Amino acid sequence: MKAIWLSAMKKDETAVQTIMSQFKTYGIEAQGHFWENDNAKLAWLGPKESLVTGQSDMWVILAGRDDLENDDLRYGLSMVALCLQARKGAGYPVVILQTDGDPVTADDLPTPLSRAVVLDANSAATPAKLIAKVHAKVPDLPAAYQIDMVGNEQLGQWLQVRPTGAAWPGIIFGVDEGEIVFQAVGPAGQLPEKSTLNFAMQGLKLELGGTEFTAWATQNEVSVETAYFVKISGTPKTLLFGPYAQDSEAELYRIQLQ
């Protein structure tokens, strides 16, 4: 049986019950929650765990235009989306049911949600489109990197970053806001108990597209098996990272989170 997870940005029990009943009518298991907007407490970790560890074939976000323009909400949704893509693939389906306001497009959304399908929650045609989407084959989309959360409420925001293909000779990782407070390299999957860094650097200043980033770097090899772990505080709007190499120009990836 197919299953979806619904995240409602507003506590509208009637709207949520209507959507869930529509799915169940077509034999699709529907579970969900009302979103708690508290990034300081990493409240988005709850739905993240439900999505990545439970049976869910599609993530449905019920939101108004004002919700999708709220930076705090965008940050939490982006972090959940990054983890979903790391665990279930870049093609994992995400649908935004927009309840009001001018229609949102991909250009209006942060990077991790840029592939989301936006549907009018009030359209009579939407239920059929949702059912078709959850039954559609998930595309195997290529991705150059994976970012996953390996921290928790006690340890804080620890991100695991690694390439999906060839190993990187080192890594540089920067934020435009918030702060990097620690970095490590070790086997992918969990925080290393100890880490020896090669030529570690802190407080590097980068500028891209008029935005200034503060970055840390290390020349340890980072691969599919050996990942880079970075602890960040706050809620950066943008992440900038990629292979670090002194003697050549490497491609850097920019992820807009808000």
Protein backbone atom coordinates (compact mmCIF):
# COMPACT_ATOMS: atom_id res chain seq x y z
CA MET A 1 0.00 0.00 0.00
CA LYS A 2 1.23 3.46 -0.91
CA ALA A 3 1.62 5.99 1.91
CA ILE A 4 1.99 9.76 2.19
CA TRP A 5 3.10 12.07 4.99
CA LEU A 6 1.30 15.39 5.33
CA SER A 7 2.85 18.46 6.97
CA ALA A 8 0.30 21.22 7.62
CA MET A 9 1.77 24.66 8.24
CA LYS A 10 -1.43 25.90 9.91
CA LYS A 11 -3.58 24.03 12.43
CA ASP A 12 -6.58 23.59 10.16
CA GLU A 13 -8.02 20.25 11.23
CA THR A 14 -10.85 20.34 8.71
CA ALA A 15 -8.52 20.83 5.73
CA VAL A 16 -6.18 18.08 6.93
CA GLN A 17 -9.00 15.59 7.53
CA THR A 18 -10.40 16.30 4.06
CA ILE A 19 -7.06 15.60 2.37
CA MET A 20 -6.40 12.46 4.38
CA SER A 21 -9.86 11.07 3.69
CA GLN A 22 -9.33 11.61 -0.04
CA PHE A 23 -6.18 9.53 0.03
CA LYS A 24 -7.75 6.78 2.13
CA THR A 25 -10.66 6.57 -0.32
CA TYR A 26 -8.13 5.44 -2.92
CA GLY A 27 -6.44 2.95 -0.60
CA ILE A 28 -3.47 5.17 0.30
CA GLU A 29 -2.28 5.35 3.89
CA ALA A 30 -2.14 8.95 5.12
CA GLN A 31 -0.36 10.21 8.22
CA GLY A 32 0.80 13.64 9.19
CA HIS A 33 1.21 16.41 11.71
CA PHE A 34 0.87 20.12 12.29
CA TRP A 35 4.21 21.86 11.75
CA GLU A 36 5.95 23.28 14.81
CA ASN A 37 7.93 26.35 13.77
CA ASP A 38 10.80 26.33 16.29
CA ASN A 39 14.22 26.09 14.66
CA ALA A 40 16.02 26.85 17.93
CA LYS A 41 14.72 23.52 19.28
CA LEU A 42 15.22 21.77 15.91
CA ALA A 43 11.49 21.00 15.90
CA TRP A 44 11.74 19.90 12.24
CA LEU A 45 13.67 16.80 13.34
CA GLY A 46 10.39 15.14 14.33
CA PRO A 47 8.80 15.07 10.88
CA LYS A 48 12.23 14.36 9.35
CA GLU A 49 12.50 11.13 11.32
CA SER A 50 8.96 10.11 10.44
CA LEU A 51 9.62 10.67 6.75
CA VAL A 52 13.02 9.00 6.44
CA THR A 53 12.41 6.03 8.73
CA GLY A 54 8.71 5.34 8.18
CA GLN A 55 6.86 4.22 5.09
CA SER A 56 6.22 7.31 3.02
CA ASP A 57 6.07 7.45 -0.76
CA MET A 58 5.39 11.18 -0.99
CA TRP A 59 5.67 14.27 1.20
CA VAL A 60 2.72 16.65 0.99
CA ILE A 61 3.07 20.17 2.40
CA LEU A 62 -0.15 22.10 3.07
CA ALA A 63 0.71 25.80 3.12
CA GLY A 64 -0.42 29.27 2.16
CA ARG A 65 1.61 31.83 0.25
CA ASP A 66 2.55 33.57 3.50
CA ASP A 67 3.87 30.29 4.95
CA LEU A 68 6.05 29.70 1.90
CA GLU A 69 7.51 33.21 2.24
CA ASN A 70 8.33 32.79 5.95
CA ASP A 71 12.10 32.36 6.34
CA ASP A 72 11.84 30.27 9.51
CA LEU A 73 9.42 27.85 7.89
CA ARG A 74 11.47 27.71 4.70
CA TYR A 75 14.59 26.78 6.69
CA GLY A 76 12.94 23.87 8.49
CA LEU A 77 11.27 22.59 5.33
CA SER A 78 14.57 22.84 3.45
CA MET A 79 16.44 20.84 6.06
CA VAL A 80 13.84 18.07 5.98
CA ALA A 81 13.97 18.04 2.17
CA LEU A 82 17.77 17.73 2.16
CA CYS A 83 17.61 14.74 4.48
CA LEU A 84 14.88 13.13 2.39
CA GLN A 85 16.94 13.51 -0.78
CA ALA A 86 19.99 12.03 0.95
CA ARG A 87 18.08 8.99 2.24
CA LYS A 88 15.48 8.39 -0.50
CA GLY A 89 17.02 9.97 -3.58
CA ALA A 90 16.88 13.36 -5.28
CA GLY A 91 13.72 12.34 -7.12
CA TYR A 92 11.66 11.64 -3.99
CA PRO A 93 8.28 13.32 -4.69
CA VAL A 94 7.30 16.44 -2.78
CA VAL A 95 3.97 18.17 -3.39
CA ILE A 96 3.00 21.58 -2.06
CA LEU A 97 -0.74 22.14 -1.71
CA GLN A 98 -1.08 25.90 -1.77
CA THR A 99 -4.17 27.10 0.07
CA ASP A 100 -4.18 30.79 -0.89
CA GLY A 101 -2.30 33.69 -2.46
CA ASP A 102 -0.68 34.11 -5.84
CA PRO A 103 0.61 30.81 -7.24
CA VAL A 104 4.12 29.87 -6.09
CA THR A 105 6.67 28.75 -8.69
CA ALA A 106 9.96 26.86 -8.41
CA ASP A 107 11.83 30.17 -8.57
CA ASP A 108 10.07 31.27 -5.37
CA LEU A 109 11.21 28.23 -3.39
CA PRO A 110 14.53 27.41 -1.68
CA THR A 111 16.89 25.01 -3.46
CA PRO A 112 15.87 21.75 -1.69
CA LEU A 113 12.22 22.36 -2.67
CA SER A 114 12.87 23.55 -6.21
CA ARG A 115 11.63 20.25 -7.71
CA ALA A 116 8.42 20.22 -5.67
CA VAL A 117 5.11 20.13 -7.56
CA VAL A 118 2.85 23.00 -6.52
CA LEU A 119 -0.90 22.37 -6.74
CA ASP A 120 -3.92 24.49 -5.88
CA ALA A 121 -5.38 22.99 -2.72
CA ASN A 122 -8.82 24.29 -3.65
CA SER A 123 -8.98 22.91 -7.20
CA ALA A 124 -11.37 20.06 -7.94
CA ALA A 125 -8.69 18.49 -10.15
CA THR A 126 -6.07 18.33 -7.39
CA PRO A 127 -7.09 15.03 -5.70
CA ALA A 128 -6.72 13.12 -8.98
CA LYS A 129 -3.33 14.74 -9.59
CA LEU A 130 -2.17 13.75 -6.10
CA ILE A 131 -3.23 10.15 -6.58
CA ALA A 132 -1.44 9.99 -9.94
CA LYS A 133 1.69 11.52 -8.42
CA VAL A 134 1.94 9.05 -5.54
CA HIS A 135 1.62 6.13 -7.97
CA ALA A 136 4.11 7.52 -10.49
CA LYS A 137 7.56 5.97 -10.81
CA VAL A 138 10.14 7.92 -8.83
CA PRO A 139 12.80 9.23 -11.24
CA ASP A 140 16.42 8.33 -10.58
CA LEU A 141 17.82 11.85 -10.66
CA PRO A 142 21.59 12.39 -10.57
CA ALA A 143 23.04 14.29 -7.63
CA ALA A 144 26.63 15.41 -7.13
CA TYR A 145 26.41 15.46 -3.33
CA GLN A 146 24.39 14.39 -0.31
CA ILE A 147 23.68 16.40 2.82
CA ASP A 148 22.10 14.65 5.77
CA MET A 149 21.48 15.49 9.42
CA VAL A 150 23.33 13.30 11.91
CA GLY A 151 22.79 15.51 14.94
CA ASN A 152 19.86 15.79 17.32
CA GLU A 153 18.32 18.16 19.85
CA GLN A 154 21.13 17.49 22.33
CA LEU A 155 24.12 17.44 19.94
CA GLY A 156 22.85 20.27 17.73
CA GLN A 157 22.91 20.65 13.97
CA TRP A 158 25.57 18.29 12.67
CA LEU A 159 25.44 17.91 8.89
CA GLN A 160 27.05 15.06 7.00
CA VAL A 161 28.33 16.14 3.57
CA ARG A 162 29.78 13.82 0.94
CA PRO A 163 30.00 13.40 -2.84
CA THR A 164 28.00 10.73 -4.63
CA GLY A 165 30.73 10.04 -7.20
CA ALA A 166 34.47 10.57 -7.27
CA ALA A 167 36.15 11.45 -3.97
CA TRP A 168 37.02 15.06 -3.17
CA PRO A 169 40.65 15.79 -2.19
CA GLY A 170 39.37 18.02 0.59
CA ILE A 171 36.34 20.16 1.31
CA ILE A 172 35.44 23.77 1.96
CA PHE A 173 32.12 24.59 3.62
CA GLY A 174 30.70 28.03 4.27
CA VAL A 175 27.60 29.80 5.61
CA ASP A 176 26.35 33.34 5.02
CA GLU A 177 24.63 33.58 8.42
CA GLY A 178 24.81 31.58 11.61
CA GLU A 179 28.15 30.08 12.55
CA ILE A 180 30.29 27.01 11.96
CA VAL A 181 31.49 25.72 15.32
CA PHE A 182 33.15 22.37 14.58
CA GLN A 183 34.27 20.12 11.74
CA ALA A 184 35.39 16.50 11.47
CA VAL A 185 35.97 13.74 8.91
CA GLY A 186 35.18 10.07 9.44
CA PRO A 187 33.23 7.05 8.21
CA ALA A 188 29.86 8.03 6.77
CA GLY A 189 26.73 7.27 8.75
CA GLN A 190 27.44 8.61 12.22
CA LEU A 191 29.55 11.19 14.01
CA PRO A 192 33.14 9.98 14.42
CA GLU A 193 34.42 9.45 17.95
CA LYS A 194 37.70 11.07 16.94
CA SER A 195 38.97 12.84 13.85
CA THR A 196 42.40 13.93 12.63
CA LEU A 197 42.20 16.84 10.22
CA ASN A 198 44.80 17.62 7.56
CA PHE A 199 45.66 21.32 7.20
CA ALA A 200 42.38 22.43 8.78
CA MET A 201 41.38 26.05 8.23
CA GLN A 202 38.80 28.29 9.85
CA GLY A 203 37.36 31.74 9.22
CA LEU A 204 37.97 31.82 5.47
CA LYS A 205 36.12 34.61 3.66
CA LEU A 206 34.45 33.93 0.32
CA GLU A 207 32.18 36.06 -1.84
CA LEU A 208 29.78 34.76 -4.44
CA GLY A 209 27.07 36.72 -6.18
CA GLY A 210 27.41 39.61 -3.74
CA THR A 211 26.99 37.36 -0.69
CA GLU A 212 29.84 36.92 1.80
CA PHE A 213 30.42 33.51 3.34
CA THR A 214 32.52 32.42 6.30
CA ALA A 215 34.02 29.01 5.59
CA TRP A 216 36.02 26.22 7.17
CA ALA A 217 38.07 23.70 5.22
CA THR A 218 40.21 20.60 5.52
CA GLN A 219 42.34 18.62 3.08
CA ASN A 220 41.14 15.20 4.22
CA GLU A 221 39.69 13.11 1.42
CA VAL A 222 35.89 13.06 1.45
CA SER A 223 34.09 10.26 -0.38
CA VAL A 224 30.96 8.12 -0.40
CA GLU A 225 32.42 6.08 2.46
CA THR A 226 34.25 8.87 4.31
CA ALA A 227 32.16 11.96 4.97
CA TYR A 228 32.68 15.52 6.20
CA PHE A 229 30.80 16.49 9.35
CA VAL A 230 30.15 20.11 10.22
CA LYS A 231 28.30 21.58 13.19
CA ILE A 232 26.46 24.83 12.58
CA SER A 233 24.53 27.12 14.90
CA GLY A 234 21.76 29.44 13.85
CA THR A 235 19.81 29.30 10.59
CA PRO A 236 21.97 30.26 7.61
CA LYS A 237 20.15 31.43 4.52
CA THR A 238 22.68 29.84 2.19
CA LEU A 239 25.27 27.04 2.25
CA LEU A 240 28.33 27.10 -0.02
CA PHE A 241 30.55 24.03 -0.28
CA GLY A 242 32.54 21.78 -2.57
CA PRO A 243 35.92 20.15 -3.17
CA TYR A 244 38.92 22.01 -1.77
CA ALA A 245 42.03 22.05 -3.94
CA GLN A 246 44.88 24.58 -3.75
CA ASP A 247 46.16 24.13 -7.29
CA SER A 248 42.92 24.14 -9.27
CA GLU A 249 39.51 25.72 -9.38
CA ALA A 250 36.83 23.37 -8.10
CA GLU A 251 33.08 23.71 -8.53
CA LEU A 252 31.25 24.98 -5.47
CA TYR A 253 27.64 24.17 -4.74
CA ARG A 254 25.27 26.81 -3.42
CA ILE A 255 22.11 25.79 -1.54
CA GLN A 256 19.53 28.43 -0.71
CA LEU A 257 17.73 27.36 2.49
CA GLN A 258 15.43 30.35 2.95
